[in-house]
């Protein structure tokens, strides 16, 4: 759930800001490992689906890190501030 909020915030800002790449990629690895261990150990489809969704969301954040890697956080913040300024003028 929280990852979907992070994905939306990254999209709106056009940047991942100060998000830690190491942490995100470790989350991806951990959630993918959870999928495979859940398949091997439990076979519980609901548990596996839950981890697949988590892995998908974590992978989306990782993809955003790669996509927005050249966008500095300051430029994105300036862009967001300009957007708010336009809304106030209208």
PDB file of N, CA and C in Angstrom:
ATOM      1  N   UNK A   1       0.826  -1.195   0.000  1.00  0.00           N
ATOM      2  CA  UNK A   1       0.000   0.000   0.000  1.00  0.00           C
ATOM      3  C   UNK A   1       0.869   1.256   0.000  1.00  0.00           C
ATOM      4  N   UNK A   2       1.869   1.280   0.886  1.00  0.00           N
ATOM      5  CA  UNK A   2       2.699   2.474   0.982  1.00  0.00           C
ATOM      6  C   UNK A   2       3.556   2.663  -0.256  1.00  0.00           C
ATOM      7  N   UNK A   3       3.941   1.560  -0.893  1.00  0.00           N
ATOM      8  CA  UNK A   3       4.747   1.677  -2.106  1.00  0.00           C
ATOM      9  C   UNK A   3       3.937   2.349  -3.211  1.00  0.00           C
ATOM     10  N   UNK A   4       2.651   2.074  -3.280  1.00  0.00           N
ATOM     11  CA  UNK A   4       1.842   2.715  -4.315  1.00  0.00           C
ATOM     12  C   UNK A   4       1.788   4.230  -4.082  1.00  0.00           C
ATOM     13  N   UNK A   5       1.793   4.665  -2.821  1.00  0.00           N
ATOM     14  CA  UNK A   5       1.833   6.095  -2.531  1.00  0.00           C
ATOM     15  C   UNK A   5       3.176   6.681  -2.951  1.00  0.00           C
ATOM     16  N   UNK A   6       4.266   5.936  -2.719  1.00  0.00           N
ATOM     17  CA  UNK A   6       5.593   6.395  -3.130  1.00  0.00           C
ATOM     18  C   UNK A   6       5.676   6.476  -4.643  1.00  0.00           C
ATOM     19  N   UNK A   7       5.113   5.516  -5.336  1.00  0.00           N
ATOM     20  CA  UNK A   7       5.109   5.515  -6.804  1.00  0.00           C
ATOM     21  C   UNK A   7       4.386   6.747  -7.320  1.00  0.00           C
ATOM     22  N   UNK A   8       3.249   7.046  -6.740  1.00  0.00           N
ATOM     23  CA  UNK A   8       2.466   8.209  -7.158  1.00  0.00           C
ATOM     24  C   UNK A   8       3.217   9.511  -6.865  1.00  0.00           C
ATOM     25  N   UNK A   9       3.828   9.603  -5.701  1.00  0.00           N
ATOM     26  CA  UNK A   9       4.599  10.808  -5.350  1.00  0.00           C
ATOM     27  C   UNK A   9       5.774  11.002  -6.300  1.00  0.00           C
ATOM     28  N   UNK A  10       6.473   9.909  -6.631  1.00  0.00           N
ATOM     29  CA  UNK A  10       7.590  10.007  -7.571  1.00  0.00           C
ATOM     30  C   UNK A  10       7.112  10.482  -8.936  1.00  0.00           C
ATOM     31  N   UNK A  11       5.990   9.960  -9.370  1.00  0.00           N
ATOM     32  CA  UNK A  11       5.442  10.339 -10.677  1.00  0.00           C
ATOM     33  C   UNK A  11       5.058  11.819 -10.692  1.00  0.00           C
ATOM     34  N   UNK A  12       4.377  12.258  -9.663  1.00  0.00           N
ATOM     35  CA  UNK A  12       3.946  13.665  -9.596  1.00  0.00           C
ATOM     36  C   UNK A  12       5.130  14.627  -9.515  1.00  0.00           C
ATOM     37  N   UNK A  13       6.173  14.229  -8.777  1.00  0.00           N
ATOM     38  CA  UNK A  13       7.348  15.083  -8.625  1.00  0.00           C
ATOM     39  C   UNK A  13       8.276  15.023  -9.830  1.00  0.00           C
ATOM     40  N   UNK A  14       8.156  13.982 -10.615  1.00  0.00           N
ATOM     41  CA  UNK A  14       9.071  13.803 -11.740  1.00  0.00           C
ATOM     42  C   UNK A  14      10.475  13.487 -11.275  1.00  0.00           C
ATOM     43  N   UNK A  15      10.584  12.960 -10.062  1.00  0.00           N
ATOM     44  CA  UNK A  15      11.881  12.642  -9.468  1.00  0.00           C
ATOM     45  C   UNK A  15      11.655  11.694  -8.302  1.00  0.00           C
ATOM     46  N   UNK A  16      12.701  10.962  -7.957  1.00  0.00           N
ATOM     47  CA  UNK A  16      12.618  10.111  -6.774  1.00  0.00           C
ATOM     48  C   UNK A  16      13.206  10.801  -5.554  1.00  0.00           C
ATOM     49  N   UNK A  17      13.657  12.039  -5.723  1.00  0.00           N
ATOM     50  CA  UNK A  17      14.173  12.814  -4.599  1.00  0.00           C
ATOM     51  C   UNK A  17      15.385  12.162  -3.980  1.00  0.00           C
ATOM     52  N   UNK A  18      15.369  11.994  -2.672  1.00  0.00           N
ATOM     53  CA  UNK A  18      16.508  11.435  -1.951  1.00  0.00           C
ATOM     54  C   UNK A  18      16.293   9.971  -1.600  1.00  0.00           C
ATOM     55  N   UNK A  19      15.468   9.297  -2.346  1.00  0.00           N
ATOM     56  CA  UNK A  19      15.177   7.890  -2.105  1.00  0.00           C
ATOM     57  C   UNK A  19      16.455   7.066  -2.259  1.00  0.00           C
ATOM     58  N   UNK A  20      16.721   6.181  -1.329  1.00  0.00           N
ATOM     59  CA  UNK A  20      17.944   5.382  -1.323  1.00  0.00           C
ATOM     60  C   UNK A  20      17.834   4.226  -2.324  1.00  0.00           C
ATOM     61  N   UNK A  21      18.700   4.246  -3.308  1.00  0.00           N
ATOM     62  CA  UNK A  21      18.703   3.188  -4.326  1.00  0.00           C
ATOM     63  C   UNK A  21      19.050   1.841  -3.695  1.00  0.00           C
ATOM     64  N   UNK A  22      20.010   1.829  -2.781  1.00  0.00           N
ATOM     65  CA  UNK A  22      20.412   0.582  -2.138  1.00  0.00           C
ATOM     66  C   UNK A  22      19.231  -0.055  -1.406  1.00  0.00           C
ATOM     67  N   UNK A  23      18.504   0.746  -0.664  1.00  0.00           N
ATOM     68  CA  UNK A  23      17.353   0.234   0.076  1.00  0.00           C
ATOM     69  C   UNK A  23      16.287  -0.306  -0.865  1.00  0.00           C
ATOM     70  N   UNK A  24      16.001   0.432  -1.930  1.00  0.00           N
ATOM     71  CA  UNK A  24      14.963   0.002  -2.871  1.00  0.00           C
ATOM     72  C   UNK A  24      15.345  -1.323  -3.533  1.00  0.00           C
ATOM     73  N   UNK A  25      16.590  -1.442  -3.962  1.00  0.00           N
ATOM     74  CA  UNK A  25      16.998  -2.676  -4.629  1.00  0.00           C
ATOM     75  C   UNK A  25      17.064  -3.855  -3.655  1.00  0.00           C
ATOM     76  N   UNK A  26      17.375  -3.593  -2.393  1.00  0.00           N
ATOM     77  CA  UNK A  26      17.325  -4.662  -1.394  1.00  0.00           C
ATOM     78  C   UNK A  26      15.873  -5.084  -1.132  1.00  0.00           C
ATOM     79  N   UNK A  27      14.954  -4.136  -1.145  1.00  0.00           N
ATOM     80  CA  UNK A  27      13.533  -4.473  -0.996  1.00  0.00           C
ATOM     81  C   UNK A  27      13.047  -5.340  -2.155  1.00  0.00           C
ATOM     82  N   UNK A  28      13.492  -5.002  -3.367  1.00  0.00           N
ATOM     83  CA  UNK A  28      13.115  -5.810  -4.537  1.00  0.00           C
ATOM     84  C   UNK A  28      13.637  -7.234  -4.370  1.00  0.00           C
ATOM     85  N   UNK A  29      14.917  -7.344  -4.031  1.00  0.00           N
ATOM     86  CA  UNK A  29      15.506  -8.674  -3.854  1.00  0.00           C
ATOM     87  C   UNK A  29      14.814  -9.482  -2.769  1.00  0.00           C
ATOM     88  N   UNK A  30      14.518  -8.826  -1.656  1.00  0.00           N
ATOM     89  CA  UNK A  30      13.845  -9.508  -0.554  1.00  0.00           C
ATOM     90  C   UNK A  30      12.446  -9.956  -0.902  1.00  0.00           C
ATOM     91  N   UNK A  31      11.717  -9.105  -1.609  1.00  0.00           N
ATOM     92  CA  UNK A  31      10.338  -9.478  -1.941  1.00  0.00           C
ATOM     93  C   UNK A  31      10.292 -10.577  -3.014  1.00  0.00           C
ATOM     94  N   UNK A  32      11.245 -10.550  -3.939  1.00  0.00           N
ATOM     95  CA  UNK A  32      11.305 -11.626  -4.940  1.00  0.00           C
ATOM     96  C   UNK A  32      11.697 -12.942  -4.257  1.00  0.00           C
ATOM     97  N   UNK A  33      12.625 -12.879  -3.319  1.00  0.00           N
ATOM     98  CA  UNK A  33      13.013 -14.083  -2.576  1.00  0.00           C
ATOM     99  C   UNK A  33      11.826 -14.629  -1.785  1.00  0.00           C
ATOM    100  N   UNK A  34      11.028 -13.731  -1.225  1.00  0.00           N
ATOM    101  CA  UNK A  34       9.841 -14.160  -0.482  1.00  0.00           C
ATOM    102  C   UNK A  34       8.857 -14.907  -1.366  1.00  0.00           C
ATOM    103  N   UNK A  35       8.709 -14.461  -2.610  1.00  0.00           N
ATOM    104  CA  UNK A  35       7.809 -15.152  -3.545  1.00  0.00           C
ATOM    105  C   UNK A  35       8.273 -16.592  -3.727  1.00  0.00           C
ATOM    106  N   UNK A  36       9.556 -16.763  -4.019  1.00  0.00           N
ATOM    107  CA  UNK A  36      10.061 -18.104  -4.294  1.00  0.00           C
ATOM    108  C   UNK A  36      10.059 -18.998  -3.059  1.00  0.00           C
ATOM    109  N   UNK A  37      10.418 -18.453  -1.897  1.00  0.00           N
ATOM    110  CA  UNK A  37      10.399 -19.287  -0.696  1.00  0.00           C
ATOM    111  C   UNK A  37       8.966 -19.635  -0.292  1.00  0.00           C
ATOM    112  N   UNK A  38       8.030 -18.729  -0.517  1.00  0.00           N
ATOM    113  CA  UNK A  38       6.631 -19.034  -0.203  1.00  0.00           C
ATOM    114  C   UNK A  38       6.089 -20.119  -1.123  1.00  0.00           C
ATOM    115  N   UNK A  39       6.498 -20.076  -2.386  1.00  0.00           N
ATOM    116  CA  UNK A  39       6.084 -21.125  -3.327  1.00  0.00           C
ATOM    117  C   UNK A  39       6.636 -22.484  -2.894  1.00  0.00           C
ATOM    118  N   UNK A  40       7.898 -22.503  -2.487  1.00  0.00           N
ATOM    119  CA  UNK A  40       8.554 -23.761  -2.104  1.00  0.00           C
ATOM    120  C   UNK A  40       8.058 -24.285  -0.761  1.00  0.00           C
ATOM    121  N   UNK A  41       7.925 -23.419   0.209  1.00  0.00           N
ATOM    122  CA  UNK A  41       7.644 -23.861   1.574  1.00  0.00           C
ATOM    123  C   UNK A  41       6.163 -24.024   1.890  1.00  0.00           C
ATOM    124  N   UNK A  42       5.337 -23.085   1.422  1.00  0.00           N
ATOM    125  CA  UNK A  42       3.929 -23.132   1.837  1.00  0.00           C
ATOM    126  C   UNK A  42       2.985 -23.529   0.714  1.00  0.00           C
ATOM    127  N   UNK A  43       3.203 -22.985  -0.471  1.00  0.00           N
ATOM    128  CA  UNK A  43       2.267 -23.252  -1.564  1.00  0.00           C
ATOM    129  C   UNK A  43       0.945 -22.524  -1.384  1.00  0.00           C
ATOM    130  N   UNK A  44       0.845 -21.677  -0.378  1.00  0.00           N
ATOM    131  CA  UNK A  44      -0.376 -20.914  -0.107  1.00  0.00           C
ATOM    132  C   UNK A  44      -0.516 -19.820  -1.164  1.00  0.00           C
ATOM    133  N   UNK A  45      -1.532 -19.918  -1.996  1.00  0.00           N
ATOM    134  CA  UNK A  45      -1.669 -18.998  -3.128  1.00  0.00           C
ATOM    135  C   UNK A  45      -1.924 -17.558  -2.681  1.00  0.00           C
ATOM    136  N   UNK A  46      -2.664 -17.366  -1.607  1.00  0.00           N
ATOM    137  CA  UNK A  46      -2.930 -16.007  -1.134  1.00  0.00           C
ATOM    138  C   UNK A  46      -1.642 -15.344  -0.654  1.00  0.00           C
ATOM    139  N   UNK A  47      -0.826 -16.084   0.043  1.00  0.00           N
ATOM    140  CA  UNK A  47       0.452 -15.565   0.520  1.00  0.00           C
ATOM    141  C   UNK A  47       1.372 -15.232  -0.659  1.00  0.00           C
ATOM    142  N   UNK A  48       1.397 -16.111  -1.638  1.00  0.00           N
ATOM    143  CA  UNK A  48       2.237 -15.892  -2.816  1.00  0.00           C
ATOM    144  C   UNK A  48       1.761 -14.661  -3.583  1.00  0.00           C
ATOM    145  N   UNK A  49       0.454 -14.516  -3.750  1.00  0.00           N
ATOM    146  CA  UNK A  49      -0.098 -13.350  -4.460  1.00  0.00           C
ATOM    147  C   UNK A  49       0.265 -12.057  -3.729  1.00  0.00           C
ATOM    148  N   UNK A  50       0.188 -12.077  -2.409  1.00  0.00           N
ATOM    149  CA  UNK A  50       0.554 -10.902  -1.616  1.00  0.00           C
ATOM    150  C   UNK A  50       2.002 -10.507  -1.871  1.00  0.00           C
ATOM    151  N   UNK A  51       2.898 -11.481  -1.888  1.00  0.00           N
ATOM    152  CA  UNK A  51       4.314 -11.189  -2.127  1.00  0.00           C
ATOM    153  C   UNK A  51       4.584 -10.802  -3.583  1.00  0.00           C
ATOM    154  N   UNK A  52       3.807 -11.340  -4.503  1.00  0.00           N
ATOM    155  CA  UNK A  52       3.958 -10.942  -5.910  1.00  0.00           C
ATOM    156  C   UNK A  52       3.568  -9.478  -6.078  1.00  0.00           C
ATOM    157  N   UNK A  53       2.497  -9.057  -5.431  1.00  0.00           N
ATOM    158  CA  UNK A  53       2.084  -7.651  -5.493  1.00  0.00           C
ATOM    159  C   UNK A  53       3.163  -6.764  -4.876  1.00  0.00           C
ATOM    160  N   UNK A  54       3.697  -7.164  -3.735  1.00  0.00           N
ATOM    161  CA  UNK A  54       4.762  -6.391  -3.095  1.00  0.00           C
ATOM    162  C   UNK A  54       5.994  -6.314  -3.994  1.00  0.00           C
ATOM    163  N   UNK A  55       6.358  -7.414  -4.614  1.00  0.00           N
ATOM    164  CA  UNK A  55       7.516  -7.432  -5.510  1.00  0.00           C
ATOM    165  C   UNK A  55       7.277  -6.538  -6.721  1.00  0.00           C
ATOM    166  N   UNK A  56       6.066  -6.548  -7.238  1.00  0.00           N
ATOM    167  CA  UNK A  56       5.725  -5.699  -8.388  1.00  0.00           C
ATOM    168  C   UNK A  56       5.831  -4.218  -8.024  1.00  0.00           C
ATOM    169  N   UNK A  57       5.301  -3.847  -6.878  1.00  0.00           N
ATOM    170  CA  UNK A  57       5.365  -2.446  -6.456  1.00  0.00           C
ATOM    171  C   UNK A  57       6.804  -2.017  -6.184  1.00  0.00           C
ATOM    172  N   UNK A  58       7.577  -2.884  -5.531  1.00  0.00           N
ATOM    173  CA  UNK A  58       8.979  -2.557  -5.273  1.00  0.00           C
ATOM    174  C   UNK A  58       9.765  -2.435  -6.574  1.00  0.00           C
ATOM    175  N   UNK A  59       9.467  -3.287  -7.531  1.00  0.00           N
ATOM    176  CA  UNK A  59      10.131  -3.225  -8.830  1.00  0.00           C
ATOM    177  C   UNK A  59       9.754  -1.945  -9.564  1.00  0.00           C
ATOM    178  N   UNK A  60       8.527  -1.489  -9.414  1.00  0.00           N
ATOM    179  CA  UNK A  60       8.099  -0.236 -10.034  1.00  0.00           C
ATOM    180  C   UNK A  60       8.880   0.947  -9.464  1.00  0.00           C
ATOM    181  N   UNK A  61       9.072   0.968  -8.148  1.00  0.00           N
ATOM    182  CA  UNK A  61       9.864   2.038  -7.532  1.00  0.00           C
ATOM    183  C   UNK A  61      11.309   1.971  -8.031  1.00  0.00           C
ATOM    184  N   UNK A  62      11.847   0.761  -8.150  1.00  0.00           N
ATOM    185  CA  UNK A  62      13.212   0.600  -8.660  1.00  0.00           C
ATOM    186  C   UNK A  62      13.308   1.090 -10.105  1.00  0.00           C
ATOM    187  N   UNK A  63      12.301   0.800 -10.899  1.00  0.00           N
ATOM    188  CA  UNK A  63      12.281   1.280 -12.285  1.00  0.00           C
ATOM    189  C   UNK A  63      12.222   2.807 -12.328  1.00  0.00           C
ATOM    190  N   UNK A  64      11.468   3.404 -11.413  1.00  0.00           N
ATOM    191  CA  UNK A  64      11.427   4.859 -11.348  1.00  0.00           C
ATOM    192  C   UNK A  64      12.789   5.430 -10.965  1.00  0.00           C
ATOM    193  N   UNK A  65      13.492   4.765 -10.070  1.00  0.00           N
ATOM    194  CA  UNK A  65      14.843   5.216  -9.704  1.00  0.00           C
ATOM    195  C   UNK A  65      15.742   5.254 -10.938  1.00  0.00           C
ATOM    196  N   UNK A  66      15.641   4.232 -11.758  1.00  0.00           N
ATOM    197  CA  UNK A  66      16.454   4.172 -12.973  1.00  0.00           C
ATOM    198  C   UNK A  66      15.994   5.225 -13.971  1.00  0.00           C
ATOM    199  N   UNK A  67      14.687   5.359 -14.139  1.00  0.00           N
ATOM    200  CA  UNK A  67      14.136   6.306 -15.112  1.00  0.00           C
ATOM    201  C   UNK A  67      14.467   7.752 -14.751  1.00  0.00           C
ATOM    202  N   UNK A  68      14.347   8.079 -13.466  1.00  0.00           N
ATOM    203  CA  UNK A  68      14.561   9.454 -13.014  1.00  0.00           C
ATOM    204  C   UNK A  68      15.978   9.703 -12.499  1.00  0.00           C
ATOM    205  N   UNK A  69      16.928   8.828 -12.790  1.00  0.00           N
ATOM    206  CA  UNK A  69      18.269   8.936 -12.198  1.00  0.00           C
ATOM    207  C   UNK A  69      18.984  10.235 -12.548  1.00  0.00           C
ATOM    208  N   UNK A  70      18.696  10.826 -13.703  1.00  0.00           N
ATOM    209  CA  UNK A  70      19.382  12.051 -14.116  1.00  0.00           C
ATOM    210  C   UNK A  70      18.654  13.323 -13.710  1.00  0.00           C
ATOM    211  N   UNK A  71      17.507  13.178 -13.047  1.00  0.00           N
ATOM    212  CA  UNK A  71      16.733  14.352 -12.623  1.00  0.00           C
ATOM    213  C   UNK A  71      17.123  14.697 -11.196  1.00  0.00           C
ATOM    214  N   UNK A  72      17.746  15.841 -10.994  1.00  0.00           N
ATOM    215  CA  UNK A  72      18.098  16.211  -9.621  1.00  0.00           C
ATOM    216  C   UNK A  72      16.857  16.541  -8.801  1.00  0.00           C
ATOM    217  N   UNK A  73      16.903  16.269  -7.526  1.00  0.00           N
ATOM    218  CA  UNK A  73      15.757  16.499  -6.648  1.00  0.00           C
ATOM    219  C   UNK A  73      15.381  17.971  -6.609  1.00  0.00           C
ATOM    220  N   UNK A  74      16.371  18.871  -6.672  1.00  0.00           N
ATOM    221  CA  UNK A  74      16.097  20.303  -6.622  1.00  0.00           C
ATOM    222  C   UNK A  74      15.273  20.757  -7.820  1.00  0.00           C
ATOM    223  N   UNK A  75      15.617  20.269  -9.008  1.00  0.00           N
ATOM    224  CA  UNK A  75      14.888  20.658 -10.216  1.00  0.00           C
ATOM    225  C   UNK A  75      13.446  20.183 -10.145  1.00  0.00           C
ATOM    226  N   UNK A  76      13.237  19.007  -9.613  1.00  0.00           N
ATOM    227  CA  UNK A  76      11.882  18.493  -9.478  1.00  0.00           C
ATOM    228  C   UNK A  76      11.086  19.315  -8.474  1.00  0.00           C
ATOM    229  N   UNK A  77      11.720  19.730  -7.382  1.00  0.00           N
ATOM    230  CA  UNK A  77      11.042  20.549  -6.383  1.00  0.00           C
ATOM    231  C   UNK A  77      10.680  21.913  -6.962  1.00  0.00           C
ATOM    232  N   UNK A  78      11.572  22.476  -7.772  1.00  0.00           N
ATOM    233  CA  UNK A  78      11.294  23.756  -8.428  1.00  0.00           C
ATOM    234  C   UNK A  78      10.122  23.616  -9.376  1.00  0.00           C
ATOM    235  N   UNK A  79      10.101  22.519 -10.116  1.00  0.00           N
ATOM    236  CA  UNK A  79       9.011  22.258 -11.055  1.00  0.00           C
ATOM    237  C   UNK A  79       7.676  22.147 -10.311  1.00  0.00           C
ATOM    238  N   UNK A  80       7.691  21.471  -9.183  1.00  0.00           N
ATOM    239  CA  UNK A  80       6.472  21.318  -8.391  1.00  0.00           C
ATOM    240  C   UNK A  80       6.006  22.672  -7.855  1.00  0.00           C
ATOM    241  N   UNK A  81       6.940  23.497  -7.393  1.00  0.00           N
ATOM    242  CA  UNK A  81       6.599  24.818  -6.862  1.00  0.00           C
ATOM    243  C   UNK A  81       6.005  25.701  -7.956  1.00  0.00           C
ATOM    244  N   UNK A  82       6.545  25.602  -9.169  1.00  0.00           N
ATOM    245  CA  UNK A  82       6.005  26.379 -10.282  1.00  0.00           C
ATOM    246  C   UNK A  82       4.587  25.940 -10.620  1.00  0.00           C
ATOM    247  N   UNK A  83       4.332  24.634 -10.524  1.00  0.00           N
ATOM    248  CA  UNK A  83       2.992  24.132 -10.775  1.00  0.00           C
ATOM    249  C   UNK A  83       1.994  24.648  -9.763  1.00  0.00           C
ATOM    250  N   UNK A  84       2.394  24.719  -8.504  1.00  0.00           N
ATOM    251  CA  UNK A  84       1.514  25.242  -7.450  1.00  0.00           C
ATOM    252  C   UNK A  84       1.272  26.725  -7.654  1.00  0.00           C
ATOM    253  N   UNK A  85       2.281  27.435  -8.125  1.00  0.00           N
ATOM    254  CA  UNK A  85       2.163  28.865  -8.367  1.00  0.00           C
ATOM    255  C   UNK A  85       1.134  29.133  -9.469  1.00  0.00           C
ATOM    256  N   UNK A  86       1.152  28.331 -10.513  1.00  0.00           N
ATOM    257  CA  UNK A  86       0.201  28.478 -11.611  1.00  0.00           C
ATOM    258  C   UNK A  86      -1.220  28.254 -11.136  1.00  0.00           C
ATOM    259  N   UNK A  87      -1.396  27.266 -10.252  1.00  0.00           N
ATOM    260  CA  UNK A  87      -2.729  26.983  -9.718  1.00  0.00           C
ATOM    261  C   UNK A  87      -3.238  28.152  -8.908  1.00  0.00           C
ATOM    262  N   UNK A  88      -2.388  28.792  -8.124  1.00  0.00           N
ATOM    263  CA  UNK A  88      -2.794  29.932  -7.309  1.00  0.00           C
ATOM    264  C   UNK A  88      -3.203  31.116  -8.169  1.00  0.00           C
ATOM    265  N   UNK A  89      -2.504  31.314  -9.299  1.00  0.00           N
ATOM    266  CA  UNK A  89      -2.807  32.448 -10.176  1.00  0.00           C
ATOM    267  C   UNK A  89      -4.156  32.277 -10.862  1.00  0.00           C
ATOM    268  N   UNK A  90      -4.524  31.042 -11.143  1.00  0.00           N
ATOM    269  CA  UNK A  90      -5.801  30.803 -11.838  1.00  0.00           C
ATOM    270  C   UNK A  90      -6.886  30.875 -10.849  1.00  0.00           C
TER     271      UNK A  90
END
